Amino acid sequence: MTEHEGTYLVWLDFRKTGLDPEELEDLIINKCRLWLDSGKIFGKCGSGFQRINAACPRVVLNTALERIKTELNAYKYNEGKK
């Protein structure tokens, strides 16, 4: 994460995961059960990013980030099984 410019909307960079935008969207919505802003709605430069609203109780943000971490780890583990 890079230092933000005073906003509570944080860009998460998923480009190194190898997921295409549709796979990333599926992981975030269906596996993590989160509703973030897909970077692809901001144009080509947003592909591979998701935007999360950090203006919430810390426990909510921590839970969301833990879900993402868990699902990405599961994805990496399952990819190695192919």
PDB file of N, CA and C in Angstrom:
ATOM      1  N   MET A   1       0.850  -1.177   0.000  1.00  0.00           N
ATOM      2  CA  MET A   1       0.000   0.000   0.000  1.00  0.00           C
ATOM      3  C   MET A   1       0.893   1.236   0.000  1.00  0.00           C
ATOM      4  N   THR A   2       0.535   2.193  -0.783  1.00  0.00           N
ATOM      5  CA  THR A   2       1.273   3.445  -0.798  1.00  0.00           C
ATOM      6  C   THR A   2       0.563   4.463   0.090  1.00  0.00           C
ATOM      7  N   GLU A   3       1.302   5.486   0.492  1.00  0.00           N
ATOM      8  CA  GLU A   3       0.707   6.520   1.333  1.00  0.00           C
ATOM      9  C   GLU A   3      -0.418   7.214   0.570  1.00  0.00           C
ATOM     10  N   HIS A   4      -1.558   7.344   1.223  1.00  0.00           N
ATOM     11  CA  HIS A   4      -2.715   7.951   0.565  1.00  0.00           C
ATOM     12  C   HIS A   4      -2.695   9.466   0.726  1.00  0.00           C
ATOM     13  N   GLU A   5      -3.568  10.113  -0.020  1.00  0.00           N
ATOM     14  CA  GLU A   5      -3.575  11.577  -0.054  1.00  0.00           C
ATOM     15  C   GLU A   5      -4.765  12.165   0.693  1.00  0.00           C
ATOM     16  N   GLY A   6      -5.041  11.678   1.877  1.00  0.00           N
ATOM     17  CA  GLY A   6      -6.071  12.270   2.715  1.00  0.00           C
ATOM     18  C   GLY A   6      -7.477  11.762   2.474  1.00  0.00           C
ATOM     19  N   THR A   7      -7.639  10.677   1.786  1.00  0.00           N
ATOM     20  CA  THR A   7      -8.968  10.124   1.552  1.00  0.00           C
ATOM     21  C   THR A   7      -9.118   8.811   2.302  1.00  0.00           C
ATOM     22  N   TYR A   8     -10.336   8.386   2.476  1.00  0.00           N
ATOM     23  CA  TYR A   8     -10.592   7.116   3.158  1.00  0.00           C
ATOM     24  C   TYR A   8     -10.835   5.990   2.164  1.00  0.00           C
ATOM     25  N   LEU A   9     -10.663   6.259   0.877  1.00  0.00           N
ATOM     26  CA  LEU A   9     -10.769   5.227  -0.146  1.00  0.00           C
ATOM     27  C   LEU A   9      -9.356   4.757  -0.494  1.00  0.00           C
ATOM     28  N   VAL A  10      -9.102   3.464  -0.301  1.00  0.00           N
ATOM     29  CA  VAL A  10      -7.761   2.905  -0.460  1.00  0.00           C
ATOM     30  C   VAL A  10      -7.748   1.957  -1.657  1.00  0.00           C
ATOM     31  N   TRP A  11      -6.758   2.120  -2.511  1.00  0.00           N
ATOM     32  CA  TRP A  11      -6.597   1.250  -3.675  1.00  0.00           C
ATOM     33  C   TRP A  11      -5.752   0.048  -3.278  1.00  0.00           C
ATOM     34  N   LEU A  12      -6.278  -1.148  -3.536  1.00  0.00           N
ATOM     35  CA  LEU A  12      -5.553  -2.392  -3.286  1.00  0.00           C
ATOM     36  C   LEU A  12      -5.063  -2.921  -4.628  1.00  0.00           C
ATOM     37  N   ASP A  13      -3.792  -3.247  -4.707  1.00  0.00           N
ATOM     38  CA  ASP A  13      -3.153  -3.681  -5.949  1.00  0.00           C
ATOM     39  C   ASP A  13      -3.079  -5.206  -5.988  1.00  0.00           C
ATOM     40  N   PHE A  14      -3.814  -5.808  -6.918  1.00  0.00           N
ATOM     41  CA  PHE A  14      -3.843  -7.261  -7.071  1.00  0.00           C
ATOM     42  C   PHE A  14      -3.142  -7.705  -8.353  1.00  0.00           C
ATOM     43  N   ARG A  15      -2.419  -6.812  -9.004  1.00  0.00           N
ATOM     44  CA  ARG A  15      -1.847  -7.131 -10.312  1.00  0.00           C
ATOM     45  C   ARG A  15      -0.881  -8.304 -10.288  1.00  0.00           C
ATOM     46  N   LYS A  16      -0.178  -8.532  -9.204  1.00  0.00           N
ATOM     47  CA  LYS A  16       0.801  -9.627  -9.147  1.00  0.00           C
ATOM     48  C   LYS A  16       0.163 -10.978  -8.821  1.00  0.00           C
ATOM     49  N   THR A  17      -1.148 -11.011  -8.636  1.00  0.00           N
ATOM     50  CA  THR A  17      -1.806 -12.279  -8.328  1.00  0.00           C
ATOM     51  C   THR A  17      -1.980 -13.164  -9.552  1.00  0.00           C
ATOM     52  N   GLY A  18      -1.948 -12.561 -10.734  1.00  0.00           N
ATOM     53  CA  GLY A  18      -2.177 -13.325 -11.956  1.00  0.00           C
ATOM     54  C   GLY A  18      -3.648 -13.484 -12.302  1.00  0.00           C
ATOM     55  N   LEU A  19      -4.520 -12.889 -11.499  1.00  0.00           N
ATOM     56  CA  LEU A  19      -5.958 -12.971 -11.761  1.00  0.00           C
ATOM     57  C   LEU A  19      -6.357 -11.937 -12.805  1.00  0.00           C
ATOM     58  N   ASP A  20      -7.186 -12.355 -13.765  1.00  0.00           N
ATOM     59  CA  ASP A  20      -7.711 -11.362 -14.694  1.00  0.00           C
ATOM     60  C   ASP A  20      -8.849 -10.625 -13.984  1.00  0.00           C
ATOM     61  N   PRO A  21      -9.320  -9.497 -14.534  1.00  0.00           N
ATOM     62  CA  PRO A  21     -10.333  -8.698 -13.827  1.00  0.00           C
ATOM     63  C   PRO A  21     -11.594  -9.474 -13.437  1.00  0.00           C
ATOM     64  N   GLU A  22     -12.038 -10.400 -14.278  1.00  0.00           N
ATOM     65  CA  GLU A  22     -13.238 -11.177 -13.954  1.00  0.00           C
ATOM     66  C   GLU A  22     -12.975 -12.161 -12.823  1.00  0.00           C
ATOM     67  N   GLU A  23     -11.806 -12.806 -12.838  1.00  0.00           N
ATOM     68  CA  GLU A  23     -11.441 -13.725 -11.753  1.00  0.00           C
ATOM     69  C   GLU A  23     -11.296 -12.970 -10.432  1.00  0.00           C
ATOM     70  N   LEU A  24     -10.692 -11.805 -10.495  1.00  0.00           N
ATOM     71  CA  LEU A  24     -10.521 -10.992  -9.292  1.00  0.00           C
ATOM     72  C   LEU A  24     -11.875 -10.581  -8.732  1.00  0.00           C
ATOM     73  N   GLU A  25     -12.766 -10.150  -9.614  1.00  0.00           N
ATOM     74  CA  GLU A  25     -14.112  -9.751  -9.189  1.00  0.00           C
ATOM     75  C   GLU A  25     -14.839 -10.932  -8.542  1.00  0.00           C
ATOM     76  N   ASP A  26     -14.708 -12.122  -9.125  1.00  0.00           N
ATOM     77  CA  ASP A  26     -15.333 -13.319  -8.568  1.00  0.00           C
ATOM     78  C   ASP A  26     -14.769 -13.631  -7.180  1.00  0.00           C
ATOM     79  N   LEU A  27     -13.463 -13.535  -7.043  1.00  0.00           N
ATOM     80  CA  LEU A  27     -12.836 -13.809  -5.756  1.00  0.00           C
ATOM     81  C   LEU A  27     -13.327 -12.839  -4.689  1.00  0.00           C
ATOM     82  N   ILE A  28     -13.348 -11.544  -5.011  1.00  0.00           N
ATOM     83  CA  ILE A  28     -13.742 -10.529  -4.037  1.00  0.00           C
ATOM     84  C   ILE A  28     -15.214 -10.672  -3.646  1.00  0.00           C
ATOM     85  N   ILE A  29     -16.084 -10.840  -4.628  1.00  0.00           N
ATOM     86  CA  ILE A  29     -17.523 -10.886  -4.343  1.00  0.00           C
ATOM     87  C   ILE A  29     -17.959 -12.245  -3.807  1.00  0.00           C
ATOM     88  N   ASN A  30     -17.593 -13.316  -4.487  1.00  0.00           N
ATOM     89  CA  ASN A  30     -18.132 -14.633  -4.149  1.00  0.00           C
ATOM     90  C   ASN A  30     -17.345 -15.398  -3.094  1.00  0.00           C
ATOM     91  N   LYS A  31     -16.042 -15.237  -3.091  1.00  0.00           N
ATOM     92  CA  LYS A  31     -15.224 -15.949  -2.099  1.00  0.00           C
ATOM     93  C   LYS A  31     -15.052 -15.127  -0.816  1.00  0.00           C
ATOM     94  N   CYS A  32     -14.692 -13.852  -0.977  1.00  0.00           N
ATOM     95  CA  CYS A  32     -14.465 -12.988   0.191  1.00  0.00           C
ATOM     96  C   CYS A  32     -15.763 -12.418   0.756  1.00  0.00           C
ATOM     97  N   ARG A  33     -16.831 -12.438  -0.068  1.00  0.00           N
ATOM     98  CA  ARG A  33     -18.131 -11.881   0.318  1.00  0.00           C
ATOM     99  C   ARG A  33     -18.004 -10.392   0.667  1.00  0.00           C
ATOM    100  N   LEU A  34     -17.308  -9.661  -0.223  1.00  0.00           N
ATOM    101  CA  LEU A  34     -17.124  -8.223  -0.057  1.00  0.00           C
ATOM    102  C   LEU A  34     -17.644  -7.509  -1.299  1.00  0.00           C
ATOM    103  N   TRP A  35     -18.004  -6.263  -1.142  1.00  0.00           N
ATOM    104  CA  TRP A  35     -18.429  -5.439  -2.265  1.00  0.00           C
ATOM    105  C   TRP A  35     -17.505  -4.231  -2.317  1.00  0.00           C
ATOM    106  N   LEU A  36     -16.454  -4.353  -3.120  1.00  0.00           N
ATOM    107  CA  LEU A  36     -15.498  -3.266  -3.297  1.00  0.00           C
ATOM    108  C   LEU A  36     -15.728  -2.649  -4.671  1.00  0.00           C
ATOM    109  N   ASP A  37     -15.077  -1.526  -4.925  1.00  0.00           N
ATOM    110  CA  ASP A  37     -15.139  -0.925  -6.254  1.00  0.00           C
ATOM    111  C   ASP A  37     -14.070  -1.576  -7.120  1.00  0.00           C
ATOM    112  N   SER A  38     -14.499  -2.234  -8.187  1.00  0.00           N
ATOM    113  CA  SER A  38     -13.554  -2.843  -9.111  1.00  0.00           C
ATOM    114  C   SER A  38     -12.811  -1.747  -9.853  1.00  0.00           C
ATOM    115  N   GLY A  39     -11.498  -1.867  -9.915  1.00  0.00           N
ATOM    116  CA  GLY A  39     -10.700  -0.875 -10.620  1.00  0.00           C
ATOM    117  C   GLY A  39     -11.052  -0.757 -12.091  1.00  0.00           C
ATOM    118  N   LYS A  40     -11.592  -1.834 -12.666  1.00  0.00           N
ATOM    119  CA  LYS A  40     -11.896  -1.803 -14.100  1.00  0.00           C
ATOM    120  C   LYS A  40     -12.969  -0.767 -14.441  1.00  0.00           C
ATOM    121  N   ILE A  41     -13.770  -0.345 -13.461  1.00  0.00           N
ATOM    122  CA  ILE A  41     -14.777   0.674 -13.754  1.00  0.00           C
ATOM    123  C   ILE A  41     -14.147   2.054 -13.952  1.00  0.00           C
ATOM    124  N   PHE A  42     -12.853   2.164 -13.611  1.00  0.00           N
ATOM    125  CA  PHE A  42     -12.137   3.423 -13.767  1.00  0.00           C
ATOM    126  C   PHE A  42     -11.291   3.446 -15.047  1.00  0.00           C
ATOM    127  N   GLY A  43     -11.458   2.436 -15.874  1.00  0.00           N
ATOM    128  CA  GLY A  43     -10.718   2.370 -17.130  1.00  0.00           C
ATOM    129  C   GLY A  43      -9.584   1.365 -17.076  1.00  0.00           C
ATOM    130  N   LYS A  44      -8.862   1.283 -18.182  1.00  0.00           N
ATOM    131  CA  LYS A  44      -7.790   0.303 -18.316  1.00  0.00           C
ATOM    132  C   LYS A  44      -6.738   0.419 -17.215  1.00  0.00           C
ATOM    133  N   CYS A  45      -6.433   1.633 -16.793  1.00  0.00           N
ATOM    134  CA  CYS A  45      -5.408   1.831 -15.763  1.00  0.00           C
ATOM    135  C   CYS A  45      -5.841   1.271 -14.405  1.00  0.00           C
ATOM    136  N   GLY A  46      -7.141   1.024 -14.210  1.00  0.00           N
ATOM    137  CA  GLY A  46      -7.636   0.483 -12.950  1.00  0.00           C
ATOM    138  C   GLY A  46      -7.672  -1.030 -12.903  1.00  0.00           C
ATOM    139  N   SER A  47      -7.395  -1.666 -14.032  1.00  0.00           N
ATOM    140  CA  SER A  47      -7.434  -3.128 -14.097  1.00  0.00           C
ATOM    141  C   SER A  47      -6.430  -3.724 -13.117  1.00  0.00           C
ATOM    142  N   GLY A  48      -6.879  -4.674 -12.322  1.00  0.00           N
ATOM    143  CA  GLY A  48      -6.010  -5.320 -11.340  1.00  0.00           C
ATOM    144  C   GLY A  48      -6.061  -4.677  -9.961  1.00  0.00           C
ATOM    145  N   PHE A  49      -6.876  -3.631  -9.830  1.00  0.00           N
ATOM    146  CA  PHE A  49      -7.033  -2.951  -8.544  1.00  0.00           C
ATOM    147  C   PHE A  49      -8.462  -3.101  -8.039  1.00  0.00           C
ATOM    148  N   GLN A  50      -8.618  -2.979  -6.738  1.00  0.00           N
ATOM    149  CA  GLN A  50      -9.923  -2.885  -6.089  1.00  0.00           C
ATOM    150  C   GLN A  50      -9.817  -1.712  -5.117  1.00  0.00           C
ATOM    151  N   ARG A  51     -10.908  -1.006  -4.946  1.00  0.00           N
ATOM    152  CA  ARG A  51     -10.909   0.138  -4.023  1.00  0.00           C
ATOM    153  C   ARG A  51     -11.789  -0.197  -2.831  1.00  0.00           C
ATOM    154  N   ILE A  52     -11.235  -0.014  -1.644  1.00  0.00           N
ATOM    155  CA  ILE A  52     -11.941  -0.333  -0.403  1.00  0.00           C
ATOM    156  C   ILE A  52     -12.132   0.951   0.402  1.00  0.00           C
ATOM    157  N   ASN A  53     -13.268   1.040   1.055  1.00  0.00           N
ATOM    158  CA  ASN A  53     -13.592   2.179   1.900  1.00  0.00           C
ATOM    159  C   ASN A  53     -13.086   1.878   3.313  1.00  0.00           C
ATOM    160  N   ALA A  54     -12.114   2.658   3.764  1.00  0.00           N
ATOM    161  CA  ALA A  54     -11.521   2.447   5.085  1.00  0.00           C
ATOM    162  C   ALA A  54     -12.199   3.271   6.176  1.00  0.00           C
ATOM    163  N   ALA A  55     -13.284   3.986   5.840  1.00  0.00           N
ATOM    164  CA  ALA A  55     -14.011   4.795   6.817  1.00  0.00           C
ATOM    165  C   ALA A  55     -15.059   3.927   7.496  1.00  0.00           C
ATOM    166  N   CYS A  56     -14.569   3.004   8.304  1.00  0.00           N
ATOM    167  CA  CYS A  56     -15.448   2.074   9.011  1.00  0.00           C
ATOM    168  C   CYS A  56     -14.737   1.652  10.295  1.00  0.00           C
ATOM    169  N   PRO A  57     -15.432   0.981  11.186  1.00  0.00           N
ATOM    170  CA  PRO A  57     -14.752   0.497  12.387  1.00  0.00           C
ATOM    171  C   PRO A  57     -13.564  -0.409  12.020  1.00  0.00           C
ATOM    172  N   ARG A  58     -12.505  -0.297  12.769  1.00  0.00           N
ATOM    173  CA  ARG A  58     -11.295  -1.074  12.492  1.00  0.00           C
ATOM    174  C   ARG A  58     -11.577  -2.572  12.401  1.00  0.00           C
ATOM    175  N   VAL A  59     -12.461  -3.078  13.236  1.00  0.00           N
ATOM    176  CA  VAL A  59     -12.763  -4.507  13.212  1.00  0.00           C
ATOM    177  C   VAL A  59     -13.376  -4.921  11.864  1.00  0.00           C
ATOM    178  N   VAL A  60     -14.171  -4.052  11.277  1.00  0.00           N
ATOM    179  CA  VAL A  60     -14.777  -4.340   9.968  1.00  0.00           C
ATOM    180  C   VAL A  60     -13.695  -4.370   8.887  1.00  0.00           C
ATOM    181  N   LEU A  61     -12.811  -3.382   8.904  1.00  0.00           N
ATOM    182  CA  LEU A  61     -11.729  -3.332   7.926  1.00  0.00           C
ATOM    183  C   LEU A  61     -10.791  -4.527   8.088  1.00  0.00           C
ATOM    184  N   ASN A  62     -10.435  -4.858   9.327  1.00  0.00           N
ATOM    185  CA  ASN A  62      -9.571  -6.015   9.574  1.00  0.00           C
ATOM    186  C   ASN A  62     -10.211  -7.305   9.087  1.00  0.00           C
ATOM    187  N   THR A  63     -11.505  -7.460   9.319  1.00  0.00           N
ATOM    188  CA  THR A  63     -12.217  -8.651   8.862  1.00  0.00           C
ATOM    189  C   THR A  63     -12.177  -8.750   7.340  1.00  0.00           C
ATOM    190  N   ALA A  64     -12.419  -7.639   6.654  1.00  0.00           N
ATOM    191  CA  ALA A  64     -12.392  -7.631   5.186  1.00  0.00           C
ATOM    192  C   ALA A  64     -11.005  -8.008   4.674  1.00  0.00           C
ATOM    193  N   LEU A  65      -9.977  -7.419   5.252  1.00  0.00           N
ATOM    194  CA  LEU A  65      -8.613  -7.698   4.799  1.00  0.00           C
ATOM    195  C   LEU A  65      -8.198  -9.136   5.106  1.00  0.00           C
ATOM    196  N   GLU A  66      -8.645  -9.672   6.221  1.00  0.00           N
ATOM    197  CA  GLU A  66      -8.361 -11.071   6.543  1.00  0.00           C
ATOM    198  C   GLU A  66      -9.058 -12.016   5.556  1.00  0.00           C
ATOM    199  N   ARG A  67     -10.282 -11.687   5.159  1.00  0.00           N
ATOM    200  CA  ARG A  67     -10.980 -12.497   4.151  1.00  0.00           C
ATOM    201  C   ARG A  67     -10.198 -12.512   2.845  1.00  0.00           C
ATOM    202  N   ILE A  68      -9.720 -11.343   2.438  1.00  0.00           N
ATOM    203  CA  ILE A  68      -8.943 -11.257   1.201  1.00  0.00           C
ATOM    204  C   ILE A  68      -7.672 -12.095   1.321  1.00  0.00           C
ATOM    205  N   LYS A  69      -6.974 -11.951   2.425  1.00  0.00           N
ATOM    206  CA  LYS A  69      -5.735 -12.709   2.653  1.00  0.00           C
ATOM    207  C   LYS A  69      -5.995 -14.214   2.609  1.00  0.00           C
ATOM    208  N   THR A  70      -7.042 -14.650   3.297  1.00  0.00           N
ATOM    209  CA  THR A  70      -7.377 -16.069   3.344  1.00  0.00           C
ATOM    210  C   THR A  70      -7.693 -16.617   1.955  1.00  0.00           C
ATOM    211  N   GLU A  71      -8.512 -15.894   1.204  1.00  0.00           N
ATOM    212  CA  GLU A  71      -8.912 -16.367  -0.123  1.00  0.00           C
ATOM    213  C   GLU A  71      -7.765 -16.327  -1.124  1.00  0.00           C
ATOM    214  N   LEU A  72      -6.898 -15.324  -1.034  1.00  0.00           N
ATOM    215  CA  LEU A  72      -5.733 -15.290  -1.922  1.00  0.00           C
ATOM    216  C   LEU A  72      -4.786 -16.438  -1.615  1.00  0.00           C
ATOM    217  N   ASN A  73      -4.599 -16.734  -0.335  1.00  0.00           N
ATOM    218  CA  ASN A  73      -3.755 -17.875   0.034  1.00  0.00           C
ATOM    219  C   ASN A  73      -4.358 -19.183  -0.453  1.00  0.00           C
ATOM    220  N   ALA A  74      -5.671 -19.339  -0.335  1.00  0.00           N
ATOM    221  CA  ALA A  74      -6.341 -20.543  -0.826  1.00  0.00           C
ATOM    222  C   ALA A  74      -6.208 -20.649  -2.340  1.00  0.00           C
ATOM    223  N   TYR A  75      -6.335 -19.530  -3.036  1.00  0.00           N
ATOM    224  CA  TYR A  75      -6.194 -19.507  -4.492  1.00  0.00           C
ATOM    225  C   TYR A  75      -4.787 -19.956  -4.887  1.00  0.00           C
ATOM    226  N   LYS A  76      -3.769 -19.406  -4.235  1.00  0.00           N
ATOM    227  CA  LYS A  76      -2.378 -19.771  -4.538  1.00  0.00           C
ATOM    228  C   LYS A  76      -2.147 -21.251  -4.268  1.00  0.00           C
ATOM    229  N   TYR A  77      -2.686 -21.753  -3.167  1.00  0.00           N
ATOM    230  CA  TYR A  77      -2.525 -23.164  -2.808  1.00  0.00           C
ATOM    231  C   TYR A  77      -3.184 -24.062  -3.853  1.00  0.00           C
ATOM    232  N   ASN A  78      -4.396 -23.704  -4.260  1.00  0.00           N
ATOM    233  CA  ASN A  78      -5.122 -24.510  -5.249  1.00  0.00           C
ATOM    234  C   ASN A  78      -4.484 -24.435  -6.636  1.00  0.00           C
ATOM    235  N   GLU A  79      -3.899 -23.293  -6.976  1.00  0.00           N
ATOM    236  CA  GLU A  79      -3.219 -23.154  -8.276  1.00  0.00           C
ATOM    237  C   GLU A  79      -2.041 -24.122  -8.361  1.00  0.00           C
ATOM    238  N   GLY A  80      -1.367 -24.347  -7.247  1.00  0.00           N
ATOM    239  CA  GLY A  80      -0.227 -25.253  -7.227  1.00  0.00           C
ATOM    240  C   GLY A  80      -0.632 -26.702  -7.394  1.00  0.00           C
ATOM    241  N   LYS A  81      -1.895 -27.015  -7.195  1.00  0.00           N
ATOM    242  CA  LYS A  81      -2.395 -28.392  -7.292  1.00  0.00           C
ATOM    243  C   LYS A  81      -2.731 -28.792  -8.719  1.00  0.00           C
ATOM    244  N   LYS A  82      -2.793 -27.824  -9.654  1.00  0.00           N
ATOM    245  CA  LYS A  82      -3.189 -28.139 -11.029  1.00  0.00           C
ATOM    246  C   LYS A  82      -2.121 -28.897 -11.761  1.00  0.00           C
TER     247      LYS A  82
END
